[in-house]
Amino acid sequence: MPASTYSLVYITCKDKKQARTIGRALVEERLAACANIIDKMNSLYWWEGAVQDDSETVLIVKTRRTLVPALARRVKQLHSYTVPCVVTTPIVGGNADFLAWIGRETRRASRPHPYPRPKHR
């Protein structure tokens, strides 16, 4: 598959525990092949009319481009933020073997979910 078939998704989380919970769910549910956690990032941003200065944790996941909408919905279900940061960028090149691995370890958008989905209230 061409590299443009895949995406990196950048997600910010309130802490390492939340990033681990979300990352594990995305990988276990085959929405992502891999999740990387970078702890203790400093974030400056506007929220509710004031500049905020907080510590956050970065979660970067590798996935199929076609899974990004489902992945974003799942992150919103699991995240504590009202407006979680979930942004994507296409992968335009790289190690072909690694990119093929992403394809093997993620589900196709049309393929049924391989694991039971958690029930939500």
Foldseek 3Di string as FASTA:
>chain_A
DAQQQKKKKKWKAQFPVLLVVLQVVCQVQQLFVHKDKAFFDWDWDDDPHDTDTGTIMIIITMAGPQSLVVSVVSCCVSGPDPDIRIDMDGGRDDDPVVSVSRVVSHDDPPDDGPDDDDDDD
